[in-house]
Amino acid sequence: MTEDEALARAAGLGEAWRGRSAEVADAIAHARRLASAFPRPADEVAEPMPAFVVPAPKAAGR
């Protein structure tokens, strides 16, 4: 099994990739370009943005 076949199967294509190797190779190349297009943080566990906090419910005025 080639790497392209393994990636196609992992993407859920199963046997649908047969006869479409050019499209699968193009999709794989596009996914690799996208994966390298975004900068990686220096600290891998750091969040890219602050976490959202749900405000506490306001007490009913009695």
C-alpha atoms as a PDB file:
ATOM      1  CA  MET A   1       0.000   0.000   0.000  1.00  0.00           C
ATOM      2  CA  THR A   2       1.418   3.368  -0.979  1.00  0.00           C
ATOM      3  CA  GLU A   3       1.314   6.463   1.204  1.00  0.00           C
ATOM      4  CA  ASP A   4      -1.357   7.984  -1.055  1.00  0.00           C
ATOM      5  CA  GLU A   5      -3.511   4.863  -0.714  1.00  0.00           C
ATOM      6  CA  ALA A   6      -3.107   4.886   3.075  1.00  0.00           C
ATOM      7  CA  LEU A   7      -4.032   8.566   3.280  1.00  0.00           C
ATOM      8  CA  ALA A   8      -7.055   8.040   1.011  1.00  0.00           C
ATOM      9  CA  ARG A   9      -8.277   5.180   3.174  1.00  0.00           C
ATOM     10  CA  ALA A  10      -7.663   7.195   6.349  1.00  0.00           C
ATOM     11  CA  ALA A  11      -9.819   9.968   4.866  1.00  0.00           C
ATOM     12  CA  GLY A  12     -12.644   7.458   4.460  1.00  0.00           C
ATOM     13  CA  LEU A  13     -12.399   7.074   0.705  1.00  0.00           C
ATOM     14  CA  GLY A  14     -11.985   3.290   0.834  1.00  0.00           C
ATOM     15  CA  GLU A  15     -12.085   1.959  -2.711  1.00  0.00           C
ATOM     16  CA  ALA A  16     -13.352   5.239  -4.156  1.00  0.00           C
ATOM     17  CA  TRP A  17      -9.758   6.462  -4.667  1.00  0.00           C
ATOM     18  CA  ARG A  18      -9.130   3.862  -7.404  1.00  0.00           C
ATOM     19  CA  GLY A  19      -8.938   5.511 -10.808  1.00  0.00           C
ATOM     20  CA  ARG A  20      -8.640   8.944  -9.233  1.00  0.00           C
ATOM     21  CA  SER A  21      -5.022   8.898  -8.151  1.00  0.00           C
ATOM     22  CA  ALA A  22      -4.356  12.327  -9.699  1.00  0.00           C
ATOM     23  CA  GLU A  23      -7.165  13.926  -7.687  1.00  0.00           C
ATOM     24  CA  VAL A  24      -6.056  12.174  -4.494  1.00  0.00           C
ATOM     25  CA  ALA A  25      -2.442  13.287  -5.030  1.00  0.00           C
ATOM     26  CA  ASP A  26      -3.625  16.867  -5.633  1.00  0.00           C
ATOM     27  CA  ALA A  27      -5.754  16.810  -2.465  1.00  0.00           C
ATOM     28  CA  ILE A  28      -2.828  15.447  -0.443  1.00  0.00           C
ATOM     29  CA  ALA A  29      -0.497  18.140  -1.798  1.00  0.00           C
ATOM     30  CA  HIS A  30      -3.080  20.819  -1.002  1.00  0.00           C
ATOM     31  CA  ALA A  31      -3.524  19.510   2.560  1.00  0.00           C
ATOM     32  CA  ARG A  32       0.250  19.529   3.073  1.00  0.00           C
ATOM     33  CA  ARG A  33       0.475  23.124   1.832  1.00  0.00           C
ATOM     34  CA  LEU A  34      -2.303  24.153   4.220  1.00  0.00           C
ATOM     35  CA  ALA A  35      -0.677  22.353   7.141  1.00  0.00           C
ATOM     36  CA  SER A  36       2.562  24.248   6.621  1.00  0.00           C
ATOM     37  CA  ALA A  37       0.873  27.605   5.943  1.00  0.00           C
ATOM     38  CA  PHE A  38       0.119  28.367   9.595  1.00  0.00           C
ATOM     39  CA  PRO A  39       2.859  29.224  12.069  1.00  0.00           C
ATOM     40  CA  ARG A  40       3.387  26.791  14.904  1.00  0.00           C
ATOM     41  CA  PRO A  41       3.579  28.200  18.452  1.00  0.00           C
ATOM     42  CA  ALA A  42       6.923  27.913  20.227  1.00  0.00           C
ATOM     43  CA  ASP A  43       5.174  26.197  23.143  1.00  0.00           C
ATOM     44  CA  GLU A  44       3.054  23.357  21.774  1.00  0.00           C
ATOM     45  CA  VAL A  45       0.727  23.343  24.784  1.00  0.00           C
ATOM     46  CA  ALA A  46       0.028  27.079  24.579  1.00  0.00           C
ATOM     47  CA  GLU A  47      -3.423  28.012  23.350  1.00  0.00           C
ATOM     48  CA  PRO A  48      -3.517  30.147  20.208  1.00  0.00           C
ATOM     49  CA  MET A  49      -6.089  32.462  21.791  1.00  0.00           C
ATOM     50  CA  PRO A  50      -7.435  33.020  25.286  1.00  0.00           C
ATOM     51  CA  ALA A  51     -10.047  30.549  26.407  1.00  0.00           C
ATOM     52  CA  PHE A  52     -13.604  31.781  26.433  1.00  0.00           C
ATOM     53  CA  VAL A  53     -15.295  32.119  29.793  1.00  0.00           C
ATOM     54  CA  VAL A  54     -19.024  31.847  30.289  1.00  0.00           C
ATOM     55  CA  PRO A  55     -20.182  34.650  32.572  1.00  0.00           C
ATOM     56  CA  ALA A  56     -21.773  33.603  35.835  1.00  0.00           C
ATOM     57  CA  PRO A  57     -25.553  34.020  35.931  1.00  0.00           C
ATOM     58  CA  LYS A  58     -26.761  37.192  37.586  1.00  0.00           C
ATOM     59  CA  ALA A  59     -28.580  36.835  40.872  1.00  0.00           C
ATOM     60  CA  ALA A  60     -32.304  37.602  40.718  1.00  0.00           C
ATOM     61  CA  GLY A  61     -33.039  40.955  42.356  1.00  0.00           C
ATOM     62  CA  ARG A  62     -35.493  40.382  45.202  1.00  0.00           C
END
